[in-house]
Amino acid sequence: MEGAHHQCSADEQTVVSNAQALAASGLAEKDIVTVDDCWTTSRGEAGDLVADPDKSPHGMAWLGTQVHEMGFRFGIREDAGATTCAGFARSGRPQGSGTDLFAQDAKRFVSWTRRLQRLDLAR
């Protein structure tokens, strides 16, 4: 939902409002609402990606539920590199060395009712 128009300014209300507008438009073939870059801040103590609390005060699970209740699948953009295009936390291997976190992040995304994952290699 961020993309070129919203860049990193989209918050959960923007995503919900855009999904509502899409649902009202009758564009039935458009069945996926995704959150693009800039949705995470860091990793928590357990190593899980942490959603930006300013952009998603209700959390990503809440956002996924809202999107699902409108009849859409919920998607998240993630990156296989050291950081996302905008420089945020990602699933890929840290620069230099380390273990990637794809399996851990996939479990977390499913708990948020995510049904689509877009994986880029930005950096």
N, C-alpha and C. Protein backbone atom coordinates (compact mmCIF):
# COMPACT_ATOMS: atom_id res chain seq x y z
N MET A 1 0.81 -1.19 0.00
CA MET A 1 0.00 0.00 0.00
C MET A 1 0.85 1.25 0.00
N GLU A 2 2.12 1.17 0.34
CA GLU A 2 2.93 2.37 0.38
C GLU A 2 3.38 2.75 -1.02
N GLY A 3 4.26 1.95 -1.59
CA GLY A 3 4.69 2.18 -2.95
C GLY A 3 5.15 3.61 -3.21
N ALA A 4 5.06 4.01 -4.48
CA ALA A 4 5.56 5.32 -4.88
C ALA A 4 4.72 6.46 -4.32
N HIS A 5 3.43 6.24 -4.11
CA HIS A 5 2.57 7.32 -3.66
C HIS A 5 2.82 7.69 -2.20
N HIS A 6 2.81 6.71 -1.32
CA HIS A 6 2.93 6.99 0.11
C HIS A 6 4.36 6.93 0.62
N GLN A 7 5.25 6.29 -0.13
CA GLN A 7 6.63 6.12 0.31
C GLN A 7 6.63 5.53 1.71
N CYS A 8 7.34 6.10 2.65
CA CYS A 8 7.41 5.56 4.01
C CYS A 8 6.43 6.23 4.96
N SER A 9 5.48 6.99 4.44
CA SER A 9 4.56 7.70 5.33
C SER A 9 3.29 6.92 5.65
N ALA A 10 3.06 5.80 4.99
CA ALA A 10 1.81 5.05 5.21
C ALA A 10 1.79 4.45 6.61
N ASP A 11 0.64 4.60 7.26
CA ASP A 11 0.42 3.98 8.56
C ASP A 11 -0.76 3.03 8.44
N GLU A 12 -1.14 2.40 9.56
CA GLU A 12 -2.22 1.41 9.49
C GLU A 12 -3.53 2.02 9.00
N GLN A 13 -3.80 3.27 9.36
CA GLN A 13 -5.03 3.91 8.91
C GLN A 13 -5.02 4.10 7.39
N THR A 14 -3.85 4.42 6.82
CA THR A 14 -3.73 4.54 5.37
C THR A 14 -4.02 3.21 4.70
N VAL A 15 -3.46 2.13 5.24
CA VAL A 15 -3.67 0.80 4.67
C VAL A 15 -5.15 0.42 4.75
N VAL A 16 -5.77 0.63 5.92
CA VAL A 16 -7.19 0.29 6.09
C VAL A 16 -8.05 1.15 5.17
N SER A 17 -7.79 2.44 5.09
CA SER A 17 -8.57 3.32 4.22
C SER A 17 -8.44 2.93 2.76
N ASN A 18 -7.22 2.61 2.34
CA ASN A 18 -7.02 2.18 0.95
C ASN A 18 -7.73 0.86 0.67
N ALA A 19 -7.70 -0.05 1.63
CA ALA A 19 -8.40 -1.33 1.45
C ALA A 19 -9.91 -1.11 1.37
N GLN A 20 -10.43 -0.22 2.20
CA GLN A 20 -11.86 0.09 2.15
C GLN A 20 -12.24 0.68 0.80
N ALA A 21 -11.41 1.59 0.28
CA ALA A 21 -11.68 2.19 -1.03
C ALA A 21 -11.61 1.14 -2.13
N LEU A 22 -10.66 0.24 -2.03
CA LEU A 22 -10.54 -0.83 -3.02
C LEU A 22 -11.77 -1.73 -2.97
N ALA A 23 -12.22 -2.07 -1.77
CA ALA A 23 -13.41 -2.91 -1.63
C ALA A 23 -14.64 -2.21 -2.21
N ALA A 24 -14.77 -0.92 -1.95
CA ALA A 24 -15.94 -0.15 -2.43
C ALA A 24 -15.91 0.04 -3.95
N SER A 25 -14.72 -0.04 -4.55
CA SER A 25 -14.59 0.19 -5.99
C SER A 25 -15.15 -0.95 -6.83
N GLY A 26 -15.31 -2.14 -6.22
CA GLY A 26 -15.81 -3.28 -6.97
C GLY A 26 -14.76 -3.97 -7.82
N LEU A 27 -13.50 -3.66 -7.59
CA LEU A 27 -12.43 -4.30 -8.35
C LEU A 27 -12.13 -5.67 -7.74
N ALA A 28 -13.02 -6.61 -7.97
CA ALA A 28 -12.94 -7.92 -7.32
C ALA A 28 -11.67 -8.67 -7.64
N GLU A 29 -11.07 -8.43 -8.82
CA GLU A 29 -9.85 -9.17 -9.17
C GLU A 29 -8.65 -8.70 -8.34
N LYS A 30 -8.79 -7.58 -7.67
CA LYS A 30 -7.72 -7.08 -6.80
C LYS A 30 -7.99 -7.62 -5.40
N ASP A 31 -7.35 -8.73 -5.05
CA ASP A 31 -7.69 -9.39 -3.79
C ASP A 31 -6.56 -9.42 -2.77
N ILE A 32 -5.50 -8.66 -3.02
CA ILE A 32 -4.37 -8.66 -2.09
C ILE A 32 -4.06 -7.21 -1.70
N VAL A 33 -3.95 -6.97 -0.42
CA VAL A 33 -3.51 -5.68 0.10
C VAL A 33 -2.18 -5.93 0.78
N THR A 34 -1.15 -5.23 0.32
CA THR A 34 0.18 -5.44 0.88
C THR A 34 0.71 -4.20 1.58
N VAL A 35 1.57 -4.44 2.55
CA VAL A 35 2.32 -3.39 3.20
C VAL A 35 3.73 -3.49 2.64
N ASP A 36 4.20 -2.39 2.09
CA ASP A 36 5.50 -2.37 1.42
C ASP A 36 6.61 -2.09 2.44
N ASP A 37 7.66 -1.45 2.03
CA ASP A 37 8.82 -1.16 2.87
C ASP A 37 8.42 -0.23 4.03
N CYS A 38 9.27 -0.10 5.00
CA CYS A 38 9.17 0.89 6.09
C CYS A 38 8.20 0.51 7.20
N TRP A 39 7.75 -0.72 7.29
CA TRP A 39 6.78 -1.09 8.32
C TRP A 39 7.44 -1.57 9.61
N THR A 40 8.72 -1.88 9.56
CA THR A 40 9.40 -2.41 10.74
C THR A 40 10.41 -1.40 11.28
N THR A 41 10.75 -1.54 12.54
CA THR A 41 11.76 -0.66 13.11
C THR A 41 13.06 -1.40 13.39
N SER A 42 12.95 -2.62 13.91
CA SER A 42 14.13 -3.36 14.34
C SER A 42 13.73 -4.80 14.63
N ARG A 43 14.54 -5.46 15.40
CA ARG A 43 14.23 -6.80 15.91
C ARG A 43 14.16 -6.73 17.42
N GLY A 44 13.19 -7.45 17.99
CA GLY A 44 13.03 -7.48 19.44
C GLY A 44 14.03 -8.42 20.10
N GLU A 45 13.89 -8.59 21.39
CA GLU A 45 14.81 -9.43 22.17
C GLU A 45 14.83 -10.87 21.67
N ALA A 46 13.69 -11.39 21.23
CA ALA A 46 13.63 -12.76 20.73
C ALA A 46 14.06 -12.87 19.27
N GLY A 47 14.45 -11.73 18.69
CA GLY A 47 14.90 -11.73 17.30
C GLY A 47 13.78 -11.53 16.29
N ASP A 48 12.54 -11.32 16.76
CA ASP A 48 11.42 -11.10 15.85
C ASP A 48 11.43 -9.68 15.32
N LEU A 49 10.99 -9.52 14.07
CA LEU A 49 10.81 -8.19 13.52
C LEU A 49 9.76 -7.44 14.34
N VAL A 50 10.01 -6.18 14.59
CA VAL A 50 9.10 -5.36 15.37
C VAL A 50 8.48 -4.31 14.44
N ALA A 51 7.15 -4.29 14.39
CA ALA A 51 6.46 -3.30 13.58
C ALA A 51 6.61 -1.93 14.23
N ASP A 52 6.70 -0.91 13.41
CA ASP A 52 6.82 0.46 13.90
C ASP A 52 5.57 0.81 14.70
N PRO A 53 5.69 1.08 16.01
CA PRO A 53 4.51 1.34 16.83
C PRO A 53 3.82 2.66 16.49
N ASP A 54 4.53 3.58 15.86
CA ASP A 54 3.91 4.84 15.44
C ASP A 54 3.04 4.62 14.20
N LYS A 55 3.48 3.75 13.31
CA LYS A 55 2.73 3.49 12.07
C LYS A 55 1.67 2.42 12.27
N SER A 56 1.90 1.49 13.17
CA SER A 56 0.97 0.39 13.41
C SER A 56 0.73 0.22 14.91
N PRO A 57 0.05 1.18 15.53
CA PRO A 57 -0.13 1.10 16.98
C PRO A 57 -0.94 -0.11 17.44
N HIS A 58 -1.79 -0.64 16.57
CA HIS A 58 -2.56 -1.84 16.92
C HIS A 58 -1.81 -3.12 16.61
N GLY A 59 -0.71 -3.03 15.88
CA GLY A 59 0.10 -4.19 15.53
C GLY A 59 -0.28 -4.79 14.18
N MET A 60 0.62 -5.58 13.66
CA MET A 60 0.44 -6.17 12.33
C MET A 60 -0.63 -7.26 12.33
N ALA A 61 -0.80 -7.99 13.43
CA ALA A 61 -1.86 -9.00 13.48
C ALA A 61 -3.23 -8.32 13.34
N TRP A 62 -3.42 -7.20 14.03
CA TRP A 62 -4.66 -6.44 13.93
C TRP A 62 -4.88 -5.97 12.50
N LEU A 63 -3.83 -5.44 11.88
CA LEU A 63 -3.94 -4.95 10.51
C LEU A 63 -4.31 -6.08 9.56
N GLY A 64 -3.67 -7.22 9.72
CA GLY A 64 -3.99 -8.38 8.89
C GLY A 64 -5.44 -8.81 9.05
N THR A 65 -5.94 -8.78 10.27
CA THR A 65 -7.34 -9.13 10.54
C THR A 65 -8.28 -8.14 9.86
N GLN A 66 -7.96 -6.86 9.94
CA GLN A 66 -8.80 -5.84 9.29
C GLN A 66 -8.88 -6.08 7.79
N VAL A 67 -7.75 -6.35 7.19
CA VAL A 67 -7.69 -6.59 5.75
C VAL A 67 -8.48 -7.84 5.38
N HIS A 68 -8.32 -8.91 6.16
CA HIS A 68 -9.05 -10.15 5.91
C HIS A 68 -10.56 -9.96 6.04
N GLU A 69 -10.97 -9.19 7.02
CA GLU A 69 -12.41 -8.98 7.23
C GLU A 69 -13.06 -8.22 6.08
N MET A 70 -12.25 -7.53 5.27
CA MET A 70 -12.76 -6.86 4.08
C MET A 70 -12.73 -7.76 2.86
N GLY A 71 -12.26 -9.01 3.05
CA GLY A 71 -12.24 -9.97 1.96
C GLY A 71 -10.94 -10.03 1.18
N PHE A 72 -9.89 -9.41 1.69
CA PHE A 72 -8.60 -9.41 1.00
C PHE A 72 -7.61 -10.33 1.70
N ARG A 73 -6.62 -10.75 0.95
CA ARG A 73 -5.46 -11.42 1.54
C ARG A 73 -4.49 -10.32 1.96
N PHE A 74 -3.74 -10.56 3.02
CA PHE A 74 -2.80 -9.58 3.57
C PHE A 74 -1.40 -9.98 3.17
N GLY A 75 -0.65 -9.04 2.60
CA GLY A 75 0.71 -9.32 2.18
C GLY A 75 1.71 -8.37 2.83
N ILE A 76 2.93 -8.83 2.95
CA ILE A 76 4.02 -8.04 3.53
C ILE A 76 5.22 -8.12 2.59
N ARG A 77 5.85 -6.99 2.39
CA ARG A 77 7.10 -6.96 1.62
C ARG A 77 8.25 -7.18 2.58
N GLU A 78 9.17 -8.04 2.18
CA GLU A 78 10.34 -8.33 2.99
C GLU A 78 11.54 -8.35 2.06
N ASP A 79 12.72 -8.32 2.61
CA ASP A 79 13.93 -8.24 1.81
C ASP A 79 14.91 -9.35 2.18
N ALA A 80 15.56 -9.88 1.17
CA ALA A 80 16.55 -10.95 1.37
C ALA A 80 17.94 -10.38 1.64
N GLY A 81 18.10 -9.08 1.55
CA GLY A 81 19.40 -8.46 1.75
C GLY A 81 19.68 -8.08 3.18
N ALA A 82 20.71 -7.26 3.34
CA ALA A 82 21.12 -6.82 4.68
C ALA A 82 20.11 -5.85 5.27
N THR A 83 19.48 -5.04 4.42
CA THR A 83 18.41 -4.13 4.84
C THR A 83 17.41 -4.00 3.69
N THR A 84 16.26 -3.41 3.98
CA THR A 84 15.31 -3.12 2.91
C THR A 84 15.83 -1.94 2.10
N CYS A 85 15.15 -1.59 1.02
CA CYS A 85 15.56 -0.45 0.20
C CYS A 85 15.66 0.83 1.02
N ALA A 86 14.77 0.98 2.00
CA ALA A 86 14.75 2.18 2.83
C ALA A 86 15.65 2.04 4.07
N GLY A 87 16.33 0.90 4.21
CA GLY A 87 17.28 0.73 5.30
C GLY A 87 16.72 0.13 6.58
N PHE A 88 15.56 -0.52 6.51
CA PHE A 88 14.94 -1.10 7.70
C PHE A 88 15.33 -2.56 7.89
N ALA A 89 15.00 -3.11 9.06
CA ALA A 89 15.30 -4.51 9.38
C ALA A 89 14.70 -5.44 8.33
N ARG A 90 15.31 -6.58 8.11
CA ARG A 90 14.95 -7.53 7.05
C ARG A 90 15.20 -8.96 7.49
N SER A 91 14.89 -9.92 6.62
CA SER A 91 15.07 -11.33 6.94
C SER A 91 16.41 -11.89 6.49
N GLY A 92 17.08 -11.22 5.56
CA GLY A 92 18.30 -11.75 4.97
C GLY A 92 19.48 -11.75 5.92
N ARG A 93 20.54 -12.31 5.43
CA ARG A 93 21.77 -12.44 6.20
C ARG A 93 22.38 -11.06 6.45
N PRO A 94 22.82 -10.79 7.67
CA PRO A 94 23.48 -9.51 7.93
C PRO A 94 24.73 -9.37 7.06
N GLN A 95 25.10 -8.15 6.76
CA GLN A 95 26.29 -7.95 5.94
C GLN A 95 27.50 -8.54 6.65
N GLY A 96 28.28 -9.24 5.90
CA GLY A 96 29.49 -9.85 6.45
C GLY A 96 29.29 -11.31 6.81
N SER A 97 28.39 -11.59 7.76
CA SER A 97 28.17 -12.97 8.17
C SER A 97 26.89 -13.05 8.97
N GLY A 98 26.60 -14.23 9.43
CA GLY A 98 25.41 -14.43 10.25
C GLY A 98 24.40 -15.31 9.56
N THR A 99 23.38 -15.65 10.30
CA THR A 99 22.34 -16.54 9.81
C THR A 99 21.15 -15.73 9.34
N ASP A 100 20.57 -16.16 8.20
CA ASP A 100 19.35 -15.46 7.79
C ASP A 100 18.21 -15.88 8.71
N LEU A 101 17.16 -15.10 8.71
CA LEU A 101 16.04 -15.30 9.64
C LEU A 101 14.73 -15.57 8.90
N PHE A 102 14.81 -16.15 7.72
CA PHE A 102 13.62 -16.39 6.91
C PHE A 102 12.60 -17.28 7.61
N ALA A 103 13.03 -18.38 8.19
CA ALA A 103 12.09 -19.31 8.85
C ALA A 103 11.42 -18.65 10.05
N GLN A 104 12.19 -17.97 10.86
CA GLN A 104 11.64 -17.29 12.03
C GLN A 104 10.63 -16.22 11.59
N ASP A 105 10.99 -15.44 10.58
CA ASP A 105 10.10 -14.37 10.12
C ASP A 105 8.84 -14.93 9.47
N ALA A 106 8.96 -16.02 8.73
CA ALA A 106 7.78 -16.62 8.09
C ALA A 106 6.76 -17.05 9.15
N LYS A 107 7.22 -17.63 10.25
CA LYS A 107 6.31 -18.02 11.33
C LYS A 107 5.61 -16.79 11.92
N ARG A 108 6.36 -15.73 12.07
CA ARG A 108 5.80 -14.49 12.62
C ARG A 108 4.75 -13.91 11.66
N PHE A 109 5.06 -13.90 10.37
CA PHE A 109 4.14 -13.35 9.38
C PHE A 109 2.83 -14.14 9.36
N VAL A 110 2.91 -15.46 9.44
CA VAL A 110 1.70 -16.29 9.45
C VAL A 110 0.86 -15.96 10.68
N SER A 111 1.50 -15.68 11.81
CA SER A 111 0.74 -15.33 13.01
C SER A 111 0.01 -14.00 12.83
N TRP A 112 0.43 -13.21 11.86
CA TRP A 112 -0.22 -11.93 11.55
C TRP A 112 -1.26 -12.09 10.45
N THR A 113 -1.64 -13.28 10.12
CA THR A 113 -2.59 -13.62 9.05
C THR A 113 -2.08 -13.21 7.67
N ARG A 114 -0.79 -13.09 7.53
CA ARG A 114 -0.19 -12.76 6.24
C ARG A 114 -0.34 -13.96 5.32
N ARG A 115 -0.78 -13.73 4.11
CA ARG A 115 -0.96 -14.81 3.15
C ARG A 115 -0.11 -14.65 1.90
N LEU A 116 0.60 -13.54 1.81
CA LEU A 116 1.48 -13.29 0.68
C LEU A 116 2.73 -12.63 1.20
N GLN A 117 3.87 -13.07 0.72
CA GLN A 117 5.11 -12.41 1.07
C GLN A 117 5.84 -12.06 -0.20
N ARG A 118 6.11 -10.80 -0.39
CA ARG A 118 6.91 -10.33 -1.52
C ARG A 118 8.34 -10.22 -1.04
N LEU A 119 9.24 -10.92 -1.68
CA LEU A 119 10.63 -10.93 -1.26
C LEU A 119 11.49 -10.25 -2.32
N ASP A 120 12.17 -9.20 -1.93
CA ASP A 120 13.07 -8.46 -2.80
C ASP A 120 14.49 -8.69 -2.35
N LEU A 121 15.43 -8.27 -3.18
CA LEU A 121 16.84 -8.24 -2.80
C LEU A 121 17.35 -6.84 -3.12
N ALA A 122 17.12 -5.93 -2.18
CA ALA A 122 17.44 -4.53 -2.40
C ALA A 122 18.90 -4.22 -2.11
N ARG A 123 19.43 -4.81 -1.04
CA ARG A 123 20.81 -4.49 -0.64
C ARG A 123 21.54 -5.74 -0.26
